[in-house]
């Protein structure tokens, strides 16, 4: 049972991480009526999130990977920005769902020590 919950939280983590990128992309697209800037922001916001994640949060980041405390703070911050991105994109309901699922995932990270 415990293994199933741990695996479920890992699956939820992947889902939340992908939804985070979608939220940043949608926020970039809906941020301006200027087409070229929309395209740049749609690509740049998720790319920045991927870069930051790769540097500090990815399991293969090795020496640069944050220790558990700062890593949790980083994830709270980036998921918070993603929730805000969903909201700014006019998707308040999705923002609420995303925020709740991200919080559940982070709670599972702490409980199951899945840093």
C-alpha atoms as a PDB file:
ATOM      1  CA  UNK A   1       0.000   0.000   0.000  1.00  0.00           C
ATOM      2  CA  UNK A   2       2.744   2.444   0.967  1.00  0.00           C
ATOM      3  CA  UNK A   3       4.662   1.652  -2.224  1.00  0.00           C
ATOM      4  CA  UNK A   4       1.542   2.397  -4.265  1.00  0.00           C
ATOM      5  CA  UNK A   5       1.138   5.774  -2.547  1.00  0.00           C
ATOM      6  CA  UNK A   6       4.794   6.628  -3.151  1.00  0.00           C
ATOM      7  CA  UNK A   7       4.513   5.654  -6.817  1.00  0.00           C
ATOM      8  CA  UNK A   8       1.280   7.607  -7.104  1.00  0.00           C
ATOM      9  CA  UNK A   9       2.992  10.689  -5.728  1.00  0.00           C
ATOM     10  CA  UNK A  10       5.805  10.292  -8.251  1.00  0.00           C
ATOM     11  CA  UNK A  11       3.211  10.106 -11.042  1.00  0.00           C
ATOM     12  CA  UNK A  12       1.488  13.175  -9.616  1.00  0.00           C
ATOM     13  CA  UNK A  13       4.861  14.971  -9.519  1.00  0.00           C
ATOM     14  CA  UNK A  14       5.367  14.326 -13.233  1.00  0.00           C
ATOM     15  CA  UNK A  15       1.835  15.492 -14.023  1.00  0.00           C
ATOM     16  CA  UNK A  16       2.222  18.681 -11.979  1.00  0.00           C
ATOM     17  CA  UNK A  17       5.593  19.417 -13.591  1.00  0.00           C
ATOM     18  CA  UNK A  18       4.109  19.078 -17.092  1.00  0.00           C
ATOM     19  CA  UNK A  19       1.098  21.212 -16.118  1.00  0.00           C
ATOM     20  CA  UNK A  20       3.510  23.824 -14.772  1.00  0.00           C
ATOM     21  CA  UNK A  21       5.133  24.106 -18.200  1.00  0.00           C
ATOM     22  CA  UNK A  22       1.732  24.293 -19.899  1.00  0.00           C
ATOM     23  CA  UNK A  23       0.692  27.086 -17.536  1.00  0.00           C
ATOM     24  CA  UNK A  24       3.806  29.099 -18.304  1.00  0.00           C
ATOM     25  CA  UNK A  25       3.292  28.599 -22.046  1.00  0.00           C
ATOM     26  CA  UNK A  26      -0.370  29.629 -21.878  1.00  0.00           C
ATOM     27  CA  UNK A  27       0.494  32.674 -19.772  1.00  0.00           C
ATOM     28  CA  UNK A  28       3.067  33.684 -22.359  1.00  0.00           C
ATOM     29  CA  UNK A  29       0.573  33.276 -25.180  1.00  0.00           C
ATOM     30  CA  UNK A  30      -2.194  35.227 -23.480  1.00  0.00           C
ATOM     31  CA  UNK A  31       0.015  38.024 -22.129  1.00  0.00           C
ATOM     32  CA  UNK A  32       0.030  40.338 -25.145  1.00  0.00           C
ATOM     33  CA  UNK A  33      -1.722  40.908 -28.482  1.00  0.00           C
ATOM     34  CA  UNK A  34       1.643  41.350 -30.258  1.00  0.00           C
ATOM     35  CA  UNK A  35       2.171  38.101 -32.168  1.00  0.00           C
ATOM     36  CA  UNK A  36       5.964  37.988 -32.205  1.00  0.00           C
ATOM     37  CA  UNK A  37       6.097  38.716 -28.457  1.00  0.00           C
ATOM     38  CA  UNK A  38       3.440  36.069 -27.801  1.00  0.00           C
ATOM     39  CA  UNK A  39       5.573  33.494 -29.581  1.00  0.00           C
ATOM     40  CA  UNK A  40       8.730  34.535 -27.727  1.00  0.00           C
ATOM     41  CA  UNK A  41       7.019  34.421 -24.310  1.00  0.00           C
ATOM     42  CA  UNK A  42       5.241  31.155 -25.099  1.00  0.00           C
ATOM     43  CA  UNK A  43       8.625  29.559 -25.703  1.00  0.00           C
ATOM     44  CA  UNK A  44      10.743  31.513 -23.214  1.00  0.00           C
ATOM     45  CA  UNK A  45       8.685  31.110 -20.028  1.00  0.00           C
ATOM     46  CA  UNK A  46       8.612  27.293 -20.073  1.00  0.00           C
ATOM     47  CA  UNK A  47      12.243  27.237 -21.253  1.00  0.00           C
ATOM     48  CA  UNK A  48      13.268  29.329 -18.247  1.00  0.00           C
ATOM     49  CA  UNK A  49      11.374  26.980 -15.922  1.00  0.00           C
ATOM     50  CA  UNK A  50      13.067  23.971 -17.545  1.00  0.00           C
ATOM     51  CA  UNK A  51      16.483  25.600 -17.180  1.00  0.00           C
ATOM     52  CA  UNK A  52      15.968  26.428 -13.500  1.00  0.00           C
ATOM     53  CA  UNK A  53      14.573  22.953 -12.832  1.00  0.00           C
ATOM     54  CA  UNK A  54      17.509  21.307 -14.617  1.00  0.00           C
ATOM     55  CA  UNK A  55      20.022  23.305 -12.611  1.00  0.00           C
ATOM     56  CA  UNK A  56      18.555  22.966  -9.131  1.00  0.00           C
ATOM     57  CA  UNK A  57      15.823  20.336  -8.977  1.00  0.00           C
ATOM     58  CA  UNK A  58      16.507  17.577 -11.493  1.00  0.00           C
ATOM     59  CA  UNK A  59      17.773  14.321  -9.985  1.00  0.00           C
ATOM     60  CA  UNK A  60      20.665  14.351 -12.473  1.00  0.00           C
ATOM     61  CA  UNK A  61      21.759  17.867 -11.434  1.00  0.00           C
ATOM     62  CA  UNK A  62      24.261  16.139  -9.101  1.00  0.00           C
ATOM     63  CA  UNK A  63      26.405  18.756  -7.332  1.00  0.00           C
ATOM     64  CA  UNK A  64      24.133  21.688  -8.201  1.00  0.00           C
ATOM     65  CA  UNK A  65      20.974  19.955  -6.916  1.00  0.00           C
ATOM     66  CA  UNK A  66      19.590  21.753  -3.903  1.00  0.00           C
ATOM     67  CA  UNK A  67      19.491  20.028  -0.538  1.00  0.00           C
ATOM     68  CA  UNK A  68      16.013  18.980   0.678  1.00  0.00           C
ATOM     69  CA  UNK A  69      15.078  22.209   2.499  1.00  0.00           C
ATOM     70  CA  UNK A  70      15.994  24.674  -0.246  1.00  0.00           C
ATOM     71  CA  UNK A  71      14.685  22.237  -2.871  1.00  0.00           C
ATOM     72  CA  UNK A  72      11.275  22.278  -1.221  1.00  0.00           C
ATOM     73  CA  UNK A  73      11.334  26.089  -1.106  1.00  0.00           C
ATOM     74  CA  UNK A  74      12.287  26.176  -4.798  1.00  0.00           C
ATOM     75  CA  UNK A  75       9.423  23.830  -5.718  1.00  0.00           C
ATOM     76  CA  UNK A  76       6.917  25.833  -3.666  1.00  0.00           C
ATOM     77  CA  UNK A  77       8.073  29.002  -5.425  1.00  0.00           C
ATOM     78  CA  UNK A  78       8.038  27.644  -8.973  1.00  0.00           C
ATOM     79  CA  UNK A  79       4.677  25.920  -8.489  1.00  0.00           C
ATOM     80  CA  UNK A  80       3.371  29.146  -6.956  1.00  0.00           C
ATOM     81  CA  UNK A  81       4.484  31.071 -10.036  1.00  0.00           C
ATOM     82  CA  UNK A  82       2.886  28.417 -12.234  1.00  0.00           C
ATOM     83  CA  UNK A  83      -0.385  28.756 -10.322  1.00  0.00           C
ATOM     84  CA  UNK A  84      -0.191  32.511 -10.849  1.00  0.00           C
ATOM     85  CA  UNK A  85       0.562  31.943 -14.547  1.00  0.00           C
ATOM     86  CA  UNK A  86      -2.591  29.824 -14.945  1.00  0.00           C
ATOM     87  CA  UNK A  87      -4.599  32.535 -13.181  1.00  0.00           C
ATOM     88  CA  UNK A  88      -3.109  35.374 -15.257  1.00  0.00           C
ATOM     89  CA  UNK A  89      -3.918  33.378 -18.394  1.00  0.00           C
ATOM     90  CA  UNK A  90      -7.586  33.590 -17.391  1.00  0.00           C
ATOM     91  CA  UNK A  91      -7.804  30.033 -16.123  1.00  0.00           C
ATOM     92  CA  UNK A  92      -8.747  30.552 -12.495  1.00  0.00           C
ATOM     93  CA  UNK A  93     -10.376  27.137 -12.093  1.00  0.00           C
ATOM     94  CA  UNK A  94      -7.360  25.363 -13.557  1.00  0.00           C
ATOM     95  CA  UNK A  95      -5.107  27.518 -11.341  1.00  0.00           C
ATOM     96  CA  UNK A  96      -7.011  26.357  -8.269  1.00  0.00           C
ATOM     97  CA  UNK A  97      -6.837  22.696  -9.287  1.00  0.00           C
ATOM     98  CA  UNK A  98      -3.165  23.004 -10.149  1.00  0.00           C
ATOM     99  CA  UNK A  99      -2.360  24.708  -6.839  1.00  0.00           C
ATOM    100  CA  UNK A 100      -4.155  22.030  -4.831  1.00  0.00           C
ATOM    101  CA  UNK A 101      -2.490  19.173  -6.740  1.00  0.00           C
ATOM    102  CA  UNK A 102       0.926  20.810  -6.387  1.00  0.00           C
ATOM    103  CA  UNK A 103       0.370  21.193  -2.636  1.00  0.00           C
ATOM    104  CA  UNK A 104      -0.709  17.544  -2.332  1.00  0.00           C
ATOM    105  CA  UNK A 105       2.382  16.492  -4.266  1.00  0.00           C
ATOM    106  CA  UNK A 106       4.717  18.566  -2.102  1.00  0.00           C
ATOM    107  CA  UNK A 107       3.097  17.188   1.035  1.00  0.00           C
ATOM    108  CA  UNK A 108       3.743  13.701  -0.339  1.00  0.00           C
ATOM    109  CA  UNK A 109       7.351  14.644  -1.073  1.00  0.00           C
ATOM    110  CA  UNK A 110       7.829  15.532   2.578  1.00  0.00           C
ATOM    111  CA  UNK A 111       5.905  12.585   4.014  1.00  0.00           C
ATOM    112  CA  UNK A 112       7.551   9.991   1.750  1.00  0.00           C
ATOM    113  CA  UNK A 113      10.950  11.737   1.752  1.00  0.00           C
ATOM    114  CA  UNK A 114      11.002  11.860  -2.047  1.00  0.00           C
ATOM    115  CA  UNK A 115      13.478  14.682  -2.319  1.00  0.00           C
END
